[in-house]
Amino acid sequence: MKPMLVKIVRPIAGVYTVLLIGVSLLPSGTNLVGGWDTAISPGLQNMLHVPAYIALVILAFLALCPSLNVHLTGMVLLSLSCCIFGMTLEFVQIAIPGRTGSLTDAMLNVIGVIIGSLIIITIRWRGMVRRGERMRAQVDTHLGNERGIR
């Protein structure tokens, strides 16, 4: 990734993470701060966990791996970190008035991380295949030029 994009993606990833923490830990209820989530049905709230964590893992990957080159071990560590982050937020919600930690929400967070990780792995794999095809074409062209074949 170009250095200019890295300078943009890292703050976006940081702000997104802080917003995710804020939304996850804001009190629920009817007071001034609480009640922000009453306009969203519980079913929709649950389903929003998946895209939220897809975005988290993709932004974390782009922020931490600007070369877009990561081995499977790095991808597993990144995914586990995002899963632990989501589970920790669910656990901390137990102490927030009007909030409850939920095993279902934690599992939806993990599903989002898995989907986001698979998206990254698929895109990286397709990029490697394309680079391999281009390199093979260049080698074939080079070998053909050396042999006088056009």
Protein backbone atom coordinates (compact mmCIF):
# COMPACT_ATOMS: atom_id res chain seq x y z
CA MET A 1 0.00 0.00 0.00
CA LYS A 2 1.25 3.48 -0.77
CA PRO A 3 2.64 5.46 2.19
CA MET A 4 -0.04 8.14 1.76
CA LEU A 5 -2.79 5.51 2.08
CA VAL A 6 -1.12 4.11 5.21
CA LYS A 7 -1.25 7.60 6.76
CA ILE A 8 -4.99 7.66 6.05
CA VAL A 9 -5.89 4.07 6.98
CA ARG A 10 -4.17 3.99 10.38
CA PRO A 11 -6.14 6.91 11.88
CA ILE A 12 -9.36 5.56 10.35
CA ALA A 13 -8.68 2.17 11.98
CA GLY A 14 -7.98 3.87 15.31
CA VAL A 15 -11.11 6.02 15.20
CA TYR A 16 -13.21 3.02 14.14
CA THR A 17 -11.87 0.98 17.06
CA VAL A 18 -12.62 3.79 19.54
CA LEU A 19 -16.14 4.17 18.08
CA LEU A 20 -16.70 0.42 18.36
CA ILE A 21 -15.63 0.55 22.02
CA GLY A 22 -17.90 3.56 22.62
CA VAL A 23 -20.95 2.03 20.99
CA SER A 24 -20.36 -1.27 22.79
CA LEU A 25 -19.94 0.28 26.23
CA LEU A 26 -22.44 3.16 26.23
CA PRO A 27 -25.09 2.62 28.90
CA SER A 28 -28.53 1.58 27.78
CA GLY A 29 -31.72 2.99 29.24
CA THR A 30 -33.80 6.13 29.16
CA ASN A 31 -31.44 8.77 30.59
CA LEU A 32 -29.62 11.36 28.45
CA VAL A 33 -26.73 9.07 27.44
CA GLY A 34 -28.68 5.84 27.66
CA GLY A 35 -31.48 4.95 25.33
CA TRP A 36 -29.42 5.67 22.23
CA ASP A 37 -29.99 2.09 21.09
CA THR A 38 -33.78 1.90 21.56
CA ALA A 39 -34.41 2.93 17.94
CA ILE A 40 -32.65 -0.23 16.73
CA SER A 41 -34.42 -3.55 17.17
CA PRO A 42 -32.57 -6.20 19.19
CA GLY A 43 -32.43 -8.49 16.14
CA LEU A 44 -30.82 -5.76 14.03
CA GLN A 45 -28.44 -4.91 16.87
CA ASN A 46 -27.32 -8.54 16.91
CA MET A 47 -26.85 -8.70 13.15
CA LEU A 48 -24.79 -5.50 13.13
CA HIS A 49 -22.07 -7.33 15.06
CA VAL A 50 -21.04 -9.28 11.96
CA PRO A 51 -20.35 -6.35 9.58
CA ALA A 52 -18.82 -4.34 12.45
CA TYR A 53 -16.22 -7.05 13.04
CA ILE A 54 -15.67 -7.69 9.32
CA ALA A 55 -14.74 -4.01 9.07
CA LEU A 56 -12.60 -4.21 12.23
CA VAL A 57 -10.43 -7.08 10.99
CA ILE A 58 -10.02 -5.55 7.52
CA LEU A 59 -9.07 -2.13 8.91
CA ALA A 60 -6.70 -3.74 11.43
CA PHE A 61 -5.07 -5.73 8.63
CA LEU A 62 -4.62 -2.66 6.43
CA ALA A 63 -3.30 -0.60 9.36
CA LEU A 64 -0.87 -3.23 10.65
CA CYS A 65 0.21 -4.84 7.37
CA PRO A 66 0.63 -1.96 4.90
CA SER A 67 2.77 -4.14 2.61
CA LEU A 68 -0.31 -6.41 2.34
CA ASN A 69 2.10 -9.27 2.82
CA VAL A 70 1.28 -11.45 5.79
CA HIS A 71 1.88 -15.10 6.55
CA LEU A 72 -0.79 -17.42 7.87
CA THR A 73 0.59 -17.12 11.43
CA GLY A 74 0.22 -13.33 11.31
CA MET A 75 -3.31 -13.62 9.97
CA VAL A 76 -4.24 -16.07 12.73
CA LEU A 77 -2.77 -13.75 15.40
CA LEU A 78 -4.61 -10.75 13.97
CA SER A 79 -7.88 -12.71 13.87
CA LEU A 80 -7.43 -14.01 17.42
CA SER A 81 -6.69 -10.48 18.65
CA CYS A 82 -9.90 -9.17 17.08
CA CYS A 83 -11.87 -12.10 18.56
CA ILE A 84 -10.44 -11.45 22.04
CA PHE A 85 -11.22 -7.74 21.64
CA GLY A 86 -14.86 -8.53 20.83
CA MET A 87 -15.20 -11.04 23.66
CA THR A 88 -13.65 -8.57 26.11
CA LEU A 89 -16.16 -5.89 25.15
CA GLU A 90 -19.00 -8.36 25.70
CA PHE A 91 -17.59 -9.30 29.11
CA VAL A 92 -17.16 -5.64 30.16
CA GLN A 93 -20.80 -4.95 29.23
CA ILE A 94 -21.82 -6.95 32.30
CA ALA A 95 -20.72 -3.98 34.45
CA ILE A 96 -22.51 -1.32 32.32
CA PRO A 97 -26.00 -0.26 33.54
CA GLY A 98 -28.70 -1.54 31.20
CA ARG A 99 -26.21 -3.63 29.19
CA THR A 100 -25.71 -7.36 29.26
CA GLY A 101 -22.83 -9.37 27.91
CA SER A 102 -24.07 -11.98 25.50
CA LEU A 103 -22.53 -15.22 24.30
CA THR A 104 -24.57 -14.80 21.10
CA ASP A 105 -23.07 -11.36 20.50
CA ALA A 106 -19.58 -12.70 21.18
CA MET A 107 -20.14 -15.49 18.65
CA LEU A 108 -21.45 -12.99 16.09
CA ASN A 109 -18.26 -10.96 16.64
CA VAL A 110 -16.19 -14.09 15.99
CA ILE A 111 -18.22 -14.88 12.83
CA GLY A 112 -17.54 -11.33 11.59
CA VAL A 113 -13.81 -11.77 12.25
CA ILE A 114 -13.79 -15.11 10.41
CA ILE A 115 -15.61 -13.66 7.39
CA GLY A 116 -13.32 -10.62 7.32
CA SER A 117 -10.24 -12.85 7.58
CA LEU A 118 -11.49 -15.05 4.75
CA ILE A 119 -12.04 -11.95 2.60
CA ILE A 120 -8.46 -10.85 3.24
CA ILE A 121 -7.05 -14.33 2.57
CA THR A 122 -9.07 -14.65 -0.65
CA ILE A 123 -7.96 -11.25 -1.94
CA ARG A 124 -4.32 -11.98 -1.03
CA TRP A 125 -4.48 -15.43 -2.70
CA ARG A 126 -6.01 -14.01 -5.89
CA GLY A 127 -3.30 -11.32 -5.94
CA MET A 128 -0.58 -13.94 -5.58
CA VAL A 129 -2.09 -16.00 -8.41
CA ARG A 130 -2.24 -12.94 -10.67
CA ARG A 131 1.37 -12.02 -9.84
CA GLY A 132 2.42 -15.60 -10.55
CA GLU A 133 0.65 -15.53 -13.92
CA ARG A 134 2.31 -12.22 -14.82
CA MET A 135 5.72 -13.51 -13.77
CA ARG A 136 5.21 -16.68 -15.81
CA ALA A 137 4.22 -14.63 -18.85
CA GLN A 138 7.32 -12.46 -18.41
CA VAL A 139 9.55 -15.53 -18.11
CA ASP A 140 7.92 -17.13 -21.16
CA THR A 141 8.37 -13.91 -23.14
CA HIS A 142 11.98 -13.59 -22.01
CA LEU A 143 12.76 -17.22 -22.87
CA GLY A 144 11.03 -16.84 -26.22
CA ASN A 145 13.11 -13.74 -27.00
CA GLU A 146 16.32 -15.56 -26.12
CA ARG A 147 15.43 -18.41 -28.48
CA GLY A 148 14.45 -16.04 -31.24
CA ILE A 149 10.78 -17.00 -30.99
CA ARG A 150 8.26 -14.24 -31.19
